[in-house]
Full PDB file with SEQRES, HELIX, SHEET, SSBOND, CRYST1, ORIGX, SCALE, CONECT and MASTER records, all heavy atoms in Angstrom:
SEQRES   1 A   37  ILE PRO LEU ALA THR GLU LEU ARG ARG ARG ASN ILE ARG          
SEQRES   2 A   37  ASN LYS ILE GLY PHE TYR LEU HIS ILE PRO PHE PRO THR          
SEQRES   3 A   37  PRO ASP ALA LEU ASN ALA ILE PRO HIS HIS GLU                  
HELIX    1 AA1 LEU A    3  ARG A    9  1                                   7    
HELIX    2 AA2 PRO A   27  ASN A   31  1                                   5    
CRYST1    1.000    1.000    1.000  90.00  90.00  90.00 P 1           1          
ORIGX1      1.000000  0.000000  0.000000        0.00000                         
ORIGX2      0.000000  1.000000  0.000000        0.00000                         
ORIGX3      0.000000  0.000000  1.000000        0.00000                         
SCALE1      1.000000  0.000000  0.000000        0.00000                         
SCALE2      0.000000  1.000000  0.000000        0.00000                         
SCALE3      0.000000  0.000000  1.000000        0.00000                         
ATOM      1  N   ILE A   1       0.846  -4.319  -1.818  1.00  0.00           N  
ATOM      2  CA  ILE A   1       0.672  -2.928  -1.399  1.00  0.00           C  
ATOM      3  C   ILE A   1       1.458  -1.945  -2.293  1.00  0.00           C  
ATOM      4  O   ILE A   1       0.963  -0.905  -2.665  1.00  0.00           O  
ATOM      5  CB  ILE A   1       0.987  -2.755   0.088  1.00  0.00           C  
ATOM      6  CG1 ILE A   1      -0.061  -3.485   0.959  1.00  0.00           C  
ATOM      7  CG2 ILE A   1       1.026  -1.279   0.460  1.00  0.00           C  
ATOM      8  CD1 ILE A   1       0.275  -3.514   2.416  1.00  0.00           C  
ATOM      9  N   PRO A   2       2.752  -2.243  -2.650  1.00  0.00           N  
ATOM     10  CA  PRO A   2       3.506  -1.272  -3.438  1.00  0.00           C  
ATOM     11  C   PRO A   2       3.201  -1.265  -4.949  1.00  0.00           C  
ATOM     12  O   PRO A   2       3.829  -0.500  -5.660  1.00  0.00           O  
ATOM     13  CB  PRO A   2       4.979  -1.706  -3.187  1.00  0.00           C  
ATOM     14  CG  PRO A   2       4.974  -2.703  -2.095  1.00  0.00           C  
ATOM     15  CD  PRO A   2       3.615  -3.380  -2.156  1.00  0.00           C  
ATOM     16  N   LEU A   3       2.249  -2.079  -5.420  1.00  0.00           N  
ATOM     17  CA  LEU A   3       2.126  -2.249  -6.871  1.00  0.00           C  
ATOM     18  C   LEU A   3       1.685  -0.946  -7.573  1.00  0.00           C  
ATOM     19  O   LEU A   3       2.210  -0.628  -8.652  1.00  0.00           O  
ATOM     20  CB  LEU A   3       1.104  -3.315  -7.145  1.00  0.00           C  
ATOM     21  CG  LEU A   3       1.035  -3.727  -8.631  1.00  0.00           C  
ATOM     22  CD1 LEU A   3       2.372  -4.138  -9.237  1.00  0.00           C  
ATOM     23  CD2 LEU A   3      -0.005  -4.856  -8.846  1.00  0.00           C  
ATOM     24  N   ALA A   4       0.814  -0.169  -6.952  1.00  0.00           N  
ATOM     25  CA  ALA A   4       0.375   1.065  -7.624  1.00  0.00           C  
ATOM     26  C   ALA A   4       1.557   2.041  -7.774  1.00  0.00           C  
ATOM     27  O   ALA A   4       1.736   2.664  -8.800  1.00  0.00           O  
ATOM     28  CB  ALA A   4      -0.725   1.733  -6.851  1.00  0.00           C  
ATOM     29  N   THR A   5       2.398   2.146  -6.721  1.00  0.00           N  
ATOM     30  CA  THR A   5       3.598   2.982  -6.800  1.00  0.00           C  
ATOM     31  C   THR A   5       4.471   2.576  -7.933  1.00  0.00           C  
ATOM     32  O   THR A   5       4.971   3.367  -8.717  1.00  0.00           O  
ATOM     33  CB  THR A   5       4.404   2.924  -5.501  1.00  0.00           C  
ATOM     34  OG1 THR A   5       3.594   3.437  -4.426  1.00  0.00           O  
ATOM     35  CG2 THR A   5       5.680   3.713  -5.577  1.00  0.00           C  
ATOM     36  N   GLU A   6       4.682   1.232  -8.076  1.00  0.00           N  
ATOM     37  CA  GLU A   6       5.522   0.704  -9.185  1.00  0.00           C  
ATOM     38  C   GLU A   6       4.886   0.997 -10.547  1.00  0.00           C  
ATOM     39  O   GLU A   6       5.601   1.335 -11.510  1.00  0.00           O  
ATOM     40  CB  GLU A   6       5.760  -0.751  -8.968  1.00  0.00           C  
ATOM     41  CG  GLU A   6       6.552  -1.134  -7.706  1.00  0.00           C  
ATOM     42  CD  GLU A   6       7.961  -0.532  -7.743  1.00  0.00           C  
ATOM     43  OE1 GLU A   6       8.519  -0.293  -8.843  1.00  0.00           O  
ATOM     44  OE2 GLU A   6       8.535  -0.390  -6.641  1.00  0.00           O  
ATOM     45  N   LEU A   7       3.586   0.839 -10.639  1.00  0.00           N  
ATOM     46  CA  LEU A   7       2.928   1.140 -11.923  1.00  0.00           C  
ATOM     47  C   LEU A   7       2.977   2.634 -12.262  1.00  0.00           C  
ATOM     48  O   LEU A   7       3.189   3.007 -13.429  1.00  0.00           O  
ATOM     49  CB  LEU A   7       1.466   0.651 -11.873  1.00  0.00           C  
ATOM     50  CG  LEU A   7       1.290  -0.876 -11.910  1.00  0.00           C  
ATOM     51  CD1 LEU A   7      -0.140  -1.215 -11.544  1.00  0.00           C  
ATOM     52  CD2 LEU A   7       1.673  -1.455 -13.229  1.00  0.00           C  
ATOM     53  N   ARG A   8       2.826   3.464 -11.251  1.00  0.00           N  
ATOM     54  CA  ARG A   8       2.915   4.920 -11.497  1.00  0.00           C  
ATOM     55  C   ARG A   8       4.316   5.271 -11.998  1.00  0.00           C  
ATOM     56  O   ARG A   8       4.480   6.149 -12.865  1.00  0.00           O  
ATOM     57  CB  ARG A   8       2.598   5.688 -10.250  1.00  0.00           C  
ATOM     58  CG  ARG A   8       1.206   5.488  -9.621  1.00  0.00           C  
ATOM     59  CD  ARG A   8       0.080   5.815 -10.560  1.00  0.00           C  
ATOM     60  NE  ARG A   8      -1.218   5.733  -9.866  1.00  0.00           N  
ATOM     61  CZ  ARG A   8      -2.349   5.601 -10.479  1.00  0.00           C  
ATOM     62  NH1 ARG A   8      -2.415   5.459 -11.821  1.00  0.00           N  
ATOM     63  NH2 ARG A   8      -3.503   5.525  -9.790  1.00  0.00           N  
ATOM     64  N   ARG A   9       5.339   4.615 -11.475  1.00  0.00           N  
ATOM     65  CA  ARG A   9       6.719   4.862 -11.929  1.00  0.00           C  
ATOM     66  C   ARG A   9       6.903   4.453 -13.355  1.00  0.00           C  
ATOM     67  O   ARG A   9       7.807   4.933 -14.051  1.00  0.00           O  
ATOM     68  CB  ARG A   9       7.693   4.088 -11.029  1.00  0.00           C  
ATOM     69  CG  ARG A   9       7.856   4.669  -9.631  1.00  0.00           C  
ATOM     70  CD  ARG A   9       8.699   3.792  -8.752  1.00  0.00           C  
ATOM     71  NE  ARG A   9       8.839   4.375  -7.428  1.00  0.00           N  
ATOM     72  CZ  ARG A   9       9.357   3.738  -6.371  1.00  0.00           C  
ATOM     73  NH1 ARG A   9       9.714   2.446  -6.477  1.00  0.00           N  
ATOM     74  NH2 ARG A   9       9.451   4.334  -5.190  1.00  0.00           N  
ATOM     75  N   ARG A  10       6.045   3.588 -13.857  1.00  0.00           N  
ATOM     76  CA  ARG A  10       6.078   3.166 -15.267  1.00  0.00           C  
ATOM     77  C   ARG A  10       5.102   3.925 -16.124  1.00  0.00           C  
ATOM     78  O   ARG A  10       4.682   3.501 -17.174  1.00  0.00           O  
ATOM     79  CB  ARG A  10       5.867   1.637 -15.333  1.00  0.00           C  
ATOM     80  CG  ARG A  10       7.050   0.853 -14.802  1.00  0.00           C  
ATOM     81  CD  ARG A  10       6.672  -0.517 -14.258  1.00  0.00           C  
ATOM     82  NE  ARG A  10       7.867  -1.227 -13.735  1.00  0.00           N  
ATOM     83  CZ  ARG A  10       8.426  -0.965 -12.529  1.00  0.00           C  
ATOM     84  NH1 ARG A  10       7.952  -0.011 -11.767  1.00  0.00           N  
ATOM     85  NH2 ARG A  10       9.476  -1.644 -12.165  1.00  0.00           N  
ATOM     86  N   ASN A  11       4.689   5.071 -15.555  1.00  0.00           N  
ATOM     87  CA  ASN A  11       3.833   6.032 -16.284  1.00  0.00           C  
ATOM     88  C   ASN A  11       2.415   5.503 -16.553  1.00  0.00           C  
ATOM     89  O   ASN A  11       1.802   5.864 -17.516  1.00  0.00           O  
ATOM     90  CB  ASN A  11       4.502   6.469 -17.599  1.00  0.00           C  
ATOM     91  CG  ASN A  11       3.959   7.813 -18.044  1.00  0.00           C  
ATOM     92  OD1 ASN A  11       3.656   8.672 -17.222  1.00  0.00           O  
ATOM     93  ND2 ASN A  11       3.833   8.005 -19.358  1.00  0.00           N  
ATOM     94  N   ILE A  12       1.943   4.575 -15.684  1.00  0.00           N  
ATOM     95  CA  ILE A  12       0.564   4.122 -15.773  1.00  0.00           C  
ATOM     96  C   ILE A  12      -0.291   5.121 -15.026  1.00  0.00           C  
ATOM     97  O   ILE A  12      -0.177   5.233 -13.786  1.00  0.00           O  
ATOM     98  CB  ILE A  12       0.406   2.699 -15.198  1.00  0.00           C  
ATOM     99  CG1 ILE A  12       1.358   1.720 -15.956  1.00  0.00           C  
ATOM    100  CG2 ILE A  12      -1.021   2.235 -15.263  1.00  0.00           C  
ATOM    101  CD1 ILE A  12       1.062   1.603 -17.410  1.00  0.00           C  
ATOM    102  N   ARG A  13      -1.171   5.788 -15.699  1.00  0.00           N  
ATOM    103  CA  ARG A  13      -2.056   6.791 -15.075  1.00  0.00           C  
ATOM    104  C   ARG A  13      -3.480   6.349 -15.022  1.00  0.00           C  
ATOM    105  O   ARG A  13      -4.385   7.154 -14.728  1.00  0.00           O  
ATOM    106  CB  ARG A  13      -1.940   8.145 -15.885  1.00  0.00           C  
ATOM    107  CG  ARG A  13      -0.523   8.705 -15.828  1.00  0.00           C  
ATOM    108  CD  ARG A  13      -0.174   9.172 -14.438  1.00  0.00           C  
ATOM    109  NE  ARG A  13       1.213   9.624 -14.305  1.00  0.00           N  
ATOM    110  CZ  ARG A  13       2.176   8.923 -13.745  1.00  0.00           C  
ATOM    111  NH1 ARG A  13       1.927   7.684 -13.254  1.00  0.00           N  
ATOM    112  NH2 ARG A  13       3.419   9.391 -13.635  1.00  0.00           N  
ATOM    113  N   ASN A  14      -3.728   5.097 -15.266  1.00  0.00           N  
ATOM    114  CA  ASN A  14      -5.090   4.571 -15.185  1.00  0.00           C  
ATOM    115  C   ASN A  14      -5.618   4.599 -13.753  1.00  0.00           C  
ATOM    116  O   ASN A  14      -4.861   4.739 -12.817  1.00  0.00           O  
ATOM    117  CB  ASN A  14      -5.100   3.120 -15.711  1.00  0.00           C  
ATOM    118  CG  ASN A  14      -4.617   3.008 -17.130  1.00  0.00           C  
ATOM    119  OD1 ASN A  14      -3.492   3.415 -17.419  1.00  0.00           O  
ATOM    120  ND2 ASN A  14      -5.422   2.456 -18.015  1.00  0.00           N  
ATOM    121  N   LYS A  15      -6.908   4.347 -13.618  1.00  0.00           N  
ATOM    122  CA  LYS A  15      -7.528   4.187 -12.327  1.00  0.00           C  
ATOM    123  C   LYS A  15      -6.995   2.864 -11.707  1.00  0.00           C  
ATOM    124  O   LYS A  15      -7.058   1.810 -12.350  1.00  0.00           O  
ATOM    125  CB  LYS A  15      -9.023   4.094 -12.430  1.00  0.00           C  
ATOM    126  CG  LYS A  15      -9.726   5.422 -12.700  1.00  0.00           C  
ATOM    127  CD  LYS A  15      -9.833   6.259 -11.463  1.00  0.00           C  
ATOM    128  CE  LYS A  15     -10.702   7.500 -11.703  1.00  0.00           C  
ATOM    129  NZ  LYS A  15     -10.776   8.325 -10.488  1.00  0.00           N  
ATOM    130  N   ILE A  16      -6.467   2.943 -10.506  1.00  0.00           N  
ATOM    131  CA  ILE A  16      -5.933   1.745  -9.824  1.00  0.00           C  
ATOM    132  C   ILE A  16      -6.590   1.644  -8.453  1.00  0.00           C  
ATOM    133  O   ILE A  16      -6.455   2.589  -7.637  1.00  0.00           O  
ATOM    134  CB  ILE A  16      -4.425   1.775  -9.711  1.00  0.00           C  
ATOM    135  CG1 ILE A  16      -3.732   2.014 -11.040  1.00  0.00           C  
ATOM    136  CG2 ILE A  16      -3.937   0.385  -9.152  1.00  0.00           C  
ATOM    137  CD1 ILE A  16      -2.206   2.101 -10.954  1.00  0.00           C  
ATOM    138  N   GLY A  17      -7.204   0.539  -8.171  1.00  0.00           N  
ATOM    139  CA  GLY A  17      -7.837   0.337  -6.879  1.00  0.00           C  
ATOM    140  C   GLY A  17      -7.133  -0.785  -6.134  1.00  0.00           C  
ATOM    141  O   GLY A  17      -6.521  -1.676  -6.727  1.00  0.00           O  
ATOM    142  N   PHE A  18      -7.292  -0.785  -4.808  1.00  0.00           N  
ATOM    143  CA  PHE A  18      -6.686  -1.824  -3.944  1.00  0.00           C  
ATOM    144  C   PHE A  18      -7.738  -2.265  -2.995  1.00  0.00           C  
ATOM    145  O   PHE A  18      -8.555  -1.486  -2.462  1.00  0.00           O  
ATOM    146  CB  PHE A  18      -5.508  -1.226  -3.163  1.00  0.00           C  
ATOM    147  CG  PHE A  18      -4.834  -2.167  -2.215  1.00  0.00           C  
ATOM    148  CD1 PHE A  18      -3.891  -3.098  -2.681  1.00  0.00           C  
ATOM    149  CD2 PHE A  18      -5.165  -2.181  -0.864  1.00  0.00           C  
ATOM    150  CE1 PHE A  18      -3.301  -3.969  -1.805  1.00  0.00           C  
ATOM    151  CE2 PHE A  18      -4.549  -3.068   0.003  1.00  0.00           C  
ATOM    152  CZ  PHE A  18      -3.613  -3.974  -0.478  1.00  0.00           C  
ATOM    153  N   TYR A  19      -7.782  -3.611  -2.715  1.00  0.00           N  
ATOM    154  CA  TYR A  19      -8.664  -4.153  -1.703  1.00  0.00           C  
ATOM    155  C   TYR A  19      -7.857  -4.978  -0.735  1.00  0.00           C  
ATOM    156  O   TYR A  19      -7.166  -5.914  -1.113  1.00  0.00           O  
ATOM    157  CB  TYR A  19      -9.784  -4.994  -2.351  1.00  0.00           C  
ATOM    158  CG  TYR A  19     -10.888  -5.295  -1.340  1.00  0.00           C  
ATOM    159  CD1 TYR A  19     -11.880  -4.388  -1.091  1.00  0.00           C  
ATOM    160  CD2 TYR A  19     -10.856  -6.491  -0.655  1.00  0.00           C  
ATOM    161  CE1 TYR A  19     -12.851  -4.620  -0.121  1.00  0.00           C  
ATOM    162  CE2 TYR A  19     -11.830  -6.763   0.292  1.00  0.00           C  
ATOM    163  CZ  TYR A  19     -12.828  -5.833   0.566  1.00  0.00           C  
ATOM    164  OH  TYR A  19     -13.786  -6.106   1.491  1.00  0.00           O  
ATOM    165  N   LEU A  20      -8.036  -4.669   0.545  1.00  0.00           N  
ATOM    166  CA  LEU A  20      -7.348  -5.383   1.611  1.00  0.00           C  
ATOM    167  C   LEU A  20      -8.295  -6.458   2.172  1.00  0.00           C  
ATOM    168  O   LEU A  20      -9.352  -6.108   2.731  1.00  0.00           O  
ATOM    169  CB  LEU A  20      -6.942  -4.435   2.719  1.00  0.00           C  
ATOM    170  CG  LEU A  20      -6.124  -5.019   3.881  1.00  0.00           C  
ATOM    171  CD1 LEU A  20      -4.771  -5.547   3.370  1.00  0.00           C  
ATOM    172  CD2 LEU A  20      -5.936  -4.028   4.974  1.00  0.00           C  
ATOM    173  N   HIS A  21      -7.917  -7.710   2.056  1.00  0.00           N  
ATOM    174  CA  HIS A  21      -8.756  -8.812   2.513  1.00  0.00           C  
ATOM    175  C   HIS A  21      -8.562  -9.196   3.966  1.00  0.00           C  
ATOM    176  O   HIS A  21      -9.219 -10.079   4.466  1.00  0.00           O  
ATOM    177  CB  HIS A  21      -8.585 -10.023   1.604  1.00  0.00           C  
ATOM    178  CG  HIS A  21      -9.108  -9.847   0.207  1.00  0.00           C  
ATOM    179  ND1 HIS A  21     -10.330 -10.273  -0.197  1.00  0.00           N  
ATOM    180  CD2 HIS A  21      -8.552  -9.252  -0.886  1.00  0.00           C  
ATOM    181  CE1 HIS A  21     -10.540  -9.963  -1.464  1.00  0.00           C  
ATOM    182  NE2 HIS A  21      -9.455  -9.359  -1.910  1.00  0.00           N  
ATOM    183  N   ILE A  22      -7.588  -8.566   4.632  1.00  0.00           N  
ATOM    184  CA  ILE A  22      -7.317  -8.857   6.034  1.00  0.00           C  
ATOM    185  C   ILE A  22      -7.534  -7.574   6.867  1.00  0.00           C  
ATOM    186  O   ILE A  22      -7.700  -6.477   6.253  1.00  0.00           O  
ATOM    187  CB  ILE A  22      -5.894  -9.409   6.225  1.00  0.00           C  
ATOM    188  CG1 ILE A  22      -4.820  -8.378   5.834  1.00  0.00           C  
ATOM    189  CG2 ILE A  22      -5.731 -10.686   5.442  1.00  0.00           C  
ATOM    190  CD1 ILE A  22      -3.383  -8.826   6.128  1.00  0.00           C  
ATOM    191  N   PRO A  23      -7.546  -7.651   8.152  1.00  0.00           N  
ATOM    192  CA  PRO A  23      -7.781  -6.420   8.947  1.00  0.00           C  
ATOM    193  C   PRO A  23      -6.641  -5.430   8.764  1.00  0.00           C  
ATOM    194  O   PRO A  23      -5.513  -5.801   8.470  1.00  0.00           O  
ATOM    195  CB  PRO A  23      -7.813  -6.939  10.401  1.00  0.00           C  
ATOM    196  CG  PRO A  23      -7.963  -8.398  10.330  1.00  0.00           C  
ATOM    197  CD  PRO A  23      -7.369  -8.826   9.031  1.00  0.00           C  
ATOM    198  N   PHE A  24      -6.978  -4.147   8.991  1.00  0.00           N  
ATOM    199  CA  PHE A  24      -5.952  -3.103   9.033  1.00  0.00           C  
ATOM    200  C   PHE A  24      -5.468  -2.944  10.469  1.00  0.00           C  
ATOM    201  O   PHE A  24      -6.276  -2.983  11.416  1.00  0.00           O  
ATOM    202  CB  PHE A  24      -6.505  -1.778   8.512  1.00  0.00           C  
ATOM    203  CG  PHE A  24      -5.444  -0.771   8.237  1.00  0.00           C  
ATOM    204  CD1 PHE A  24      -4.706  -0.813   7.058  1.00  0.00           C  
ATOM    205  CD2 PHE A  24      -5.114   0.214   9.150  1.00  0.00           C  
ATOM    206  CE1 PHE A  24      -3.685   0.094   6.754  1.00  0.00           C  
ATOM    207  CE2 PHE A  24      -4.092   1.140   8.875  1.00  0.00           C  
ATOM    208  CZ  PHE A  24      -3.370   1.098   7.677  1.00  0.00           C  
ATOM    209  N   PRO A  25      -4.158  -2.797  10.686  1.00  0.00           N  
ATOM    210  CA  PRO A  25      -3.622  -2.840  12.049  1.00  0.00           C  
ATOM    211  C   PRO A  25      -3.871  -1.559  12.825  1.00  0.00           C  
ATOM    212  O   PRO A  25      -4.127  -0.495  12.239  1.00  0.00           O  
ATOM    213  CB  PRO A  25      -2.127  -3.066  11.832  1.00  0.00           C  
ATOM    214  CG  PRO A  25      -1.849  -2.443  10.491  1.00  0.00           C  
ATOM    215  CD  PRO A  25      -3.072  -2.717   9.708  1.00  0.00           C  
ATOM    216  N   THR A  26      -3.766  -1.647  14.116  1.00  0.00           N  
ATOM    217  CA  THR A  26      -3.839  -0.476  15.002  1.00  0.00           C  
ATOM    218  C   THR A  26      -2.568   0.335  14.848  1.00  0.00           C  
ATOM    219  O   THR A  26      -1.561  -0.163  14.293  1.00  0.00           O  
ATOM    220  CB  THR A  26      -3.940  -0.920  16.453  1.00  0.00           C  
ATOM    221  OG1 THR A  26      -2.785  -1.682  16.805  1.00  0.00           O  
ATOM    222  CG2 THR A  26      -5.222  -1.726  16.673  1.00  0.00           C  
ATOM    223  N   PRO A  27      -2.527   1.593  15.291  1.00  0.00           N  
ATOM    224  CA  PRO A  27      -1.335   2.432  15.124  1.00  0.00           C  
ATOM    225  C   PRO A  27      -0.040   1.790  15.693  1.00  0.00           C  
ATOM    226  O   PRO A  27       1.018   1.825  15.064  1.00  0.00           O  
ATOM    227  CB  PRO A  27      -1.698   3.717  15.837  1.00  0.00           C  
ATOM    228  CG  PRO A  27      -3.169   3.831  15.683  1.00  0.00           C  
ATOM    229  CD  PRO A  27      -3.661   2.397  15.783  1.00  0.00           C  
ATOM    230  N   ASP A  28      -0.170   1.235  16.874  1.00  0.00           N  
ATOM    231  CA  ASP A  28       1.069   0.625  17.486  1.00  0.00           C  
ATOM    232  C   ASP A  28       1.577  -0.554  16.658  1.00  0.00           C  
ATOM    233  O   ASP A  28       2.788  -0.664  16.417  1.00  0.00           O  
ATOM    234  CB  ASP A  28       0.758   0.100  18.889  1.00  0.00           C  
ATOM    235  CG  ASP A  28       0.676   1.228  19.930  1.00  0.00           C  
ATOM    236  OD1 ASP A  28       1.105   2.380  19.589  1.00  0.00           O  
ATOM    237  OD2 ASP A  28       0.140   1.033  21.010  1.00  0.00           O  
ATOM    238  N   ALA A  29       0.671  -1.403  16.147  1.00  0.00           N  
ATOM    239  CA  ALA A  29       1.136  -2.489  15.309  1.00  0.00           C  
ATOM    240  C   ALA A  29       1.689  -2.016  14.015  1.00  0.00           C  
ATOM    241  O   ALA A  29       2.688  -2.514  13.482  1.00  0.00           O  
ATOM    242  CB  ALA A  29      -0.034  -3.482  15.056  1.00  0.00           C  
ATOM    243  N   LEU A  30       1.047  -0.974  13.444  1.00  0.00           N  
ATOM    244  CA  LEU A  30       1.534  -0.422  12.181  1.00  0.00           C  
ATOM    245  C   LEU A  30       2.943   0.168  12.370  1.00  0.00           C  
ATOM    246  O   LEU A  30       3.837  -0.026  11.493  1.00  0.00           O  
ATOM    247  CB  LEU A  30       0.586   0.654  11.716  1.00  0.00           C  
ATOM    248  CG  LEU A  30       0.786   1.211  10.271  1.00  0.00           C  
ATOM    249  CD1 LEU A  30       0.805   0.052   9.268  1.00  0.00           C  
ATOM    250  CD2 LEU A  30      -0.301   2.206   9.958  1.00  0.00           C  
ATOM    251  N   ASN A  31       3.171   0.838  13.454  1.00  0.00           N  
ATOM    252  CA  ASN A  31       4.506   1.418  13.736  1.00  0.00           C  
ATOM    253  C   ASN A  31       5.585   0.361  13.895  1.00  0.00           C  
ATOM    254  O   ASN A  31       6.779   0.675  13.753  1.00  0.00           O  
ATOM    255  CB  ASN A  31       4.434   2.339  14.967  1.00  0.00           C  
ATOM    256  CG  ASN A  31       3.917   3.691  14.649  1.00  0.00           C  
ATOM    257  OD1 ASN A  31       4.301   4.320  13.647  1.00  0.00           O  
ATOM    258  ND2 ASN A  31       3.028   4.185  15.499  1.00  0.00           N  
ATOM    259  N   ALA A  32       5.200  -0.884  14.209  1.00  0.00           N  
ATOM    260  CA  ALA A  32       6.214  -1.939  14.413  1.00  0.00           C  
ATOM    261  C   ALA A  32       6.634  -2.570  13.104  1.00  0.00           C  
ATOM    262  O   ALA A  32       7.605  -3.354  13.097  1.00  0.00           O  
ATOM    263  CB  ALA A  32       5.615  -3.006  15.334  1.00  0.00           C  
ATOM    264  N   ILE A  33       5.944  -2.241  11.996  1.00  0.00           N  
ATOM    265  CA  ILE A  33       6.272  -2.835  10.707  1.00  0.00           C  
ATOM    266  C   ILE A  33       7.415  -2.065  10.057  1.00  0.00           C  
ATOM    267  O   ILE A  33       7.347  -0.842   9.925  1.00  0.00           O  
ATOM    268  CB  ILE A  33       5.033  -2.842   9.774  1.00  0.00           C  
ATOM    269  CG1 ILE A  33       3.909  -3.643  10.394  1.00  0.00           C  
ATOM    270  CG2 ILE A  33       5.385  -3.335   8.411  1.00  0.00           C  
ATOM    271  CD1 ILE A  33       2.585  -3.553   9.659  1.00  0.00           C  
ATOM    272  N   PRO A  34       8.483  -2.760   9.658  1.00  0.00           N  
ATOM    273  CA  PRO A  34       9.533  -2.047   9.005  1.00  0.00           C  
ATOM    274  C   PRO A  34       9.076  -1.350   7.713  1.00  0.00           C  
ATOM    275  O   PRO A  34       8.259  -1.910   6.968  1.00  0.00           O  
ATOM    276  CB  PRO A  34      10.578  -3.174   8.609  1.00  0.00           C  
ATOM    277  CG  PRO A  34      10.210  -4.296   9.519  1.00  0.00           C  
ATOM    278  CD  PRO A  34       8.756  -4.197   9.782  1.00  0.00           C  
ATOM    279  N   HIS A  35       9.519  -0.126   7.488  1.00  0.00           N  
ATOM    280  CA  HIS A  35       9.195   0.676   6.293  1.00  0.00           C  
ATOM    281  C   HIS A  35       7.701   0.969   6.225  1.00  0.00           C  
ATOM    282  O   HIS A  35       7.162   1.141   5.094  1.00  0.00           O  
ATOM    283  CB  HIS A  35       9.673  -0.071   5.026  1.00  0.00           C  
ATOM    284  CG  HIS A  35      11.083  -0.482   5.047  1.00  0.00           C  
ATOM    285  ND1 HIS A  35      12.121   0.415   4.780  1.00  0.00           N  
ATOM    286  CD2 HIS A  35      11.685  -1.686   5.312  1.00  0.00           C  
ATOM    287  CE1 HIS A  35      13.282  -0.217   4.868  1.00  0.00           C  
ATOM    288  NE2 HIS A  35      13.049  -1.506   5.204  1.00  0.00           N  
ATOM    289  N   HIS A  36       7.051   1.087   7.349  1.00  0.00           N  
ATOM    290  CA  HIS A  36       5.600   1.323   7.325  1.00  0.00           C  
ATOM    291  C   HIS A  36       5.244   2.670   6.696  1.00  0.00           C  
ATOM    292  O   HIS A  36       4.205   2.818   6.053  1.00  0.00           O  
ATOM    293  CB  HIS A  36       5.009   1.227   8.710  1.00  0.00           C  
ATOM    294  CG  HIS A  36       5.450   2.256   9.641  1.00  0.00           C  
ATOM    295  ND1 HIS A  36       6.653   2.104  10.356  1.00  0.00           N  
ATOM    296  CD2 HIS A  36       4.951   3.449  10.058  1.00  0.00           C  
ATOM    297  CE1 HIS A  36       6.830   3.140  11.143  1.00  0.00           C  
ATOM    298  NE2 HIS A  36       5.836   4.001  10.987  1.00  0.00           N  
ATOM    299  N   GLU A  37       6.138   3.658   6.781  1.00  0.00           N  
ATOM    300  CA  GLU A  37       5.851   4.950   6.160  1.00  0.00           C  
ATOM    301  C   GLU A  37       5.751   4.801   4.650  1.00  0.00           C  
ATOM    302  O   GLU A  37       4.857   5.348   3.992  1.00  0.00           O  
ATOM    303  CB  GLU A  37       6.884   5.983   6.563  1.00  0.00           C  
ATOM    304  CG  GLU A  37       6.617   7.389   5.979  1.00  0.00           C  
ATOM    305  CD  GLU A  37       7.551   8.435   6.542  1.00  0.00           C  
ATOM    306  OE1 GLU A  37       8.359   8.108   7.467  1.00  0.00           O  
ATOM    307  OE2 GLU A  37       7.441   9.582   6.081  1.00  0.00           O  
TER     308      GLU A  37                                                      
MASTER        0    0    0    2    0    0    0    6  307    1    0    3          
END                                                                             
């Protein structure tokens, strides 16, 4: 998940896409994840 942020910090301005192969959590479950913001 953090890879695009890290690439942008290295001045990579290319198109970067992400695909999530597992479900996305509900708000309550998301809030329980450390550093979710």
